[in-house]
């Protein structure tokens, strides 16, 4: 069974909730999904063994959170080129983090990105649940599940 790793960095829990919705979309397509806090990823081996990756962070003071920056440096040491991937995040007023994560995954890690970055204020705004689940479904489709 194909397996996706969904890693998040959150400030108040909104990004975690979005990660769970993306995972739900992946699972509804018949794939497995693991949701992990970025601060729990300590070494390259913690990222190994997955068929797809989705990284997300809250935007805090116009930046992605430090645990996500650290994770991206670890990911750069691995060969993730060509693997299906996505980026997401929650934000209060500016929302730059998902775009920066997406650009890093696409241009530095050379991953096969899903659509555009998923930017949501939180998991409870109108359409957020459907949008996040559909993002997960899009990832599963890139893994070959229809």
Protein backbone atom coordinates (compact mmCIF):
# COMPACT_ATOMS: atom_id res chain seq x y z
CA UNK A 1 0.00 0.00 0.00
CA UNK A 2 1.30 3.48 -0.88
CA UNK A 3 2.10 5.62 2.12
CA UNK A 4 2.28 9.40 2.52
CA UNK A 5 4.05 11.33 5.25
CA UNK A 6 2.33 14.54 6.27
CA UNK A 7 4.52 16.72 8.47
CA UNK A 8 3.32 19.92 10.12
CA UNK A 9 4.67 22.73 12.30
CA UNK A 10 1.95 24.49 14.24
CA UNK A 11 1.67 27.44 16.56
CA UNK A 12 -1.84 27.00 17.89
CA UNK A 13 -3.09 23.73 16.42
CA UNK A 14 -4.70 24.94 13.17
CA UNK A 15 -1.98 23.50 10.95
CA UNK A 16 -2.28 20.13 12.69
CA UNK A 17 -6.02 20.09 12.00
CA UNK A 18 -5.38 20.81 8.30
CA UNK A 19 -2.78 18.01 8.20
CA UNK A 20 -5.39 15.60 9.58
CA UNK A 21 -7.86 16.61 6.86
CA UNK A 22 -5.26 16.09 4.13
CA UNK A 23 -4.50 12.65 5.60
CA UNK A 24 -8.21 11.84 5.56
CA UNK A 25 -8.31 12.61 1.83
CA UNK A 26 -5.27 10.40 1.20
CA UNK A 27 -6.84 7.54 3.14
CA UNK A 28 -10.16 7.85 1.31
CA UNK A 29 -8.25 7.08 -1.89
CA UNK A 30 -6.95 3.80 -0.45
CA UNK A 31 -3.50 4.95 0.65
CA UNK A 32 -1.96 5.08 4.09
CA UNK A 33 -1.05 8.43 5.66
CA UNK A 34 1.02 9.23 8.72
CA UNK A 35 0.75 12.67 10.36
CA UNK A 36 3.82 13.81 12.32
CA UNK A 37 4.86 17.01 14.09
CA UNK A 38 7.98 18.46 12.45
CA UNK A 39 9.71 18.70 15.84
CA UNK A 40 9.60 14.87 16.05
CA UNK A 41 11.69 14.46 12.87
CA UNK A 42 15.27 14.35 14.17
CA UNK A 43 17.25 12.54 11.45
CA UNK A 44 17.06 11.66 7.77
CA UNK A 45 15.91 8.13 8.57
CA UNK A 46 12.72 9.58 10.09
CA UNK A 47 11.77 10.71 6.57
CA UNK A 48 12.65 7.46 4.79
CA UNK A 49 10.26 4.88 3.40
CA UNK A 50 7.36 6.97 2.12
CA UNK A 51 5.91 7.25 -1.38
CA UNK A 52 4.80 10.88 -1.03
CA UNK A 53 5.35 13.86 1.26
CA UNK A 54 3.29 16.85 2.34
CA UNK A 55 4.92 19.54 4.48
CA UNK A 56 3.08 22.35 6.19
CA UNK A 57 3.67 25.19 8.58
CA UNK A 58 1.81 28.01 10.17
CA UNK A 59 2.96 31.44 9.04
CA UNK A 60 4.38 33.19 12.07
CA UNK A 61 5.73 36.72 11.67
CA UNK A 62 5.82 36.23 7.89
CA UNK A 63 7.90 33.04 8.07
CA UNK A 64 7.48 29.29 8.30
CA UNK A 65 8.15 27.98 11.78
CA UNK A 66 11.69 26.90 12.68
CA UNK A 67 10.90 23.16 12.97
CA UNK A 68 9.78 23.21 9.31
CA UNK A 69 12.96 25.02 8.22
CA UNK A 70 15.00 22.36 10.00
CA UNK A 71 12.95 19.61 8.36
CA UNK A 72 13.55 21.06 4.89
CA UNK A 73 17.31 21.02 5.50
CA UNK A 74 17.06 17.34 6.46
CA UNK A 75 14.92 16.59 3.42
CA UNK A 76 17.53 18.22 1.17
CA UNK A 77 20.01 15.53 2.23
CA UNK A 78 17.73 12.79 0.91
CA UNK A 79 16.88 11.85 -2.66
CA UNK A 80 13.22 12.86 -2.85
CA UNK A 81 13.43 13.96 -6.48
CA UNK A 82 10.35 13.11 -8.51
CA UNK A 83 8.26 11.92 -5.56
CA UNK A 84 4.70 13.26 -5.22
CA UNK A 85 4.50 16.15 -2.78
CA UNK A 86 2.44 19.03 -1.49
CA UNK A 87 2.68 22.03 0.82
CA UNK A 88 0.11 23.64 3.10
CA UNK A 89 -0.30 25.94 6.03
CA UNK A 90 -2.50 27.98 8.28
CA UNK A 91 -2.16 31.72 8.67
CA UNK A 92 -3.64 34.70 10.41
CA UNK A 93 -3.07 37.61 8.05
CA UNK A 94 -0.19 37.04 5.63
CA UNK A 95 0.25 33.33 4.79
CA UNK A 96 3.72 33.18 3.19
CA UNK A 97 4.82 29.83 4.70
CA UNK A 98 2.96 27.42 2.37
CA UNK A 99 4.34 29.13 -0.73
CA UNK A 100 7.91 29.11 0.56
CA UNK A 101 7.66 25.43 1.49
CA UNK A 102 6.16 24.63 -1.91
CA UNK A 103 8.91 26.49 -3.78
CA UNK A 104 11.61 24.70 -1.78
CA UNK A 105 10.06 21.30 -2.44
CA UNK A 106 9.61 22.04 -6.15
CA UNK A 107 12.86 23.87 -6.94
CA UNK A 108 15.40 22.56 -4.42
CA UNK A 109 14.12 19.05 -3.71
CA UNK A 110 12.78 18.63 -7.29
CA UNK A 111 9.59 16.93 -6.14
CA UNK A 112 6.43 16.35 -8.21
CA UNK A 113 4.10 18.90 -6.65
CA UNK A 114 0.31 18.77 -6.32
CA UNK A 115 -1.33 21.85 -7.83
CA UNK A 116 -0.51 24.90 -5.74
CA UNK A 117 0.17 25.42 -2.03
CA UNK A 118 -2.88 24.90 0.17
CA UNK A 119 -3.39 28.07 2.22
CA UNK A 120 -6.13 28.08 4.85
CA UNK A 121 -6.77 30.35 7.81
CA UNK A 122 -7.88 27.27 9.73
CA UNK A 123 -9.54 23.89 9.27
CA UNK A 124 -12.97 25.27 10.16
CA UNK A 125 -13.44 28.08 7.65
CA UNK A 126 -16.02 27.53 4.94
CA UNK A 127 -14.77 24.99 2.39
CA UNK A 128 -11.58 24.18 4.32
CA UNK A 129 -12.50 20.58 5.07
CA UNK A 130 -13.38 19.83 1.46
CA UNK A 131 -10.36 21.73 0.13
CA UNK A 132 -7.90 19.95 2.41
CA UNK A 133 -9.38 16.51 1.75
CA UNK A 134 -9.29 17.17 -2.00
CA UNK A 135 -5.64 18.17 -1.66
CA UNK A 136 -4.97 14.77 -0.06
CA UNK A 137 -6.89 13.06 -2.86
CA UNK A 138 -4.75 14.89 -5.41
CA UNK A 139 -1.64 13.58 -3.70
CA UNK A 140 -3.02 10.03 -3.76
CA UNK A 141 -3.73 10.40 -7.47
CA UNK A 142 -0.10 11.38 -8.04
CA UNK A 143 0.82 8.17 -6.21
CA UNK A 144 -1.21 6.28 -8.80
CA UNK A 145 -4.48 5.79 -6.91
CA UNK A 146 -7.61 6.80 -8.77
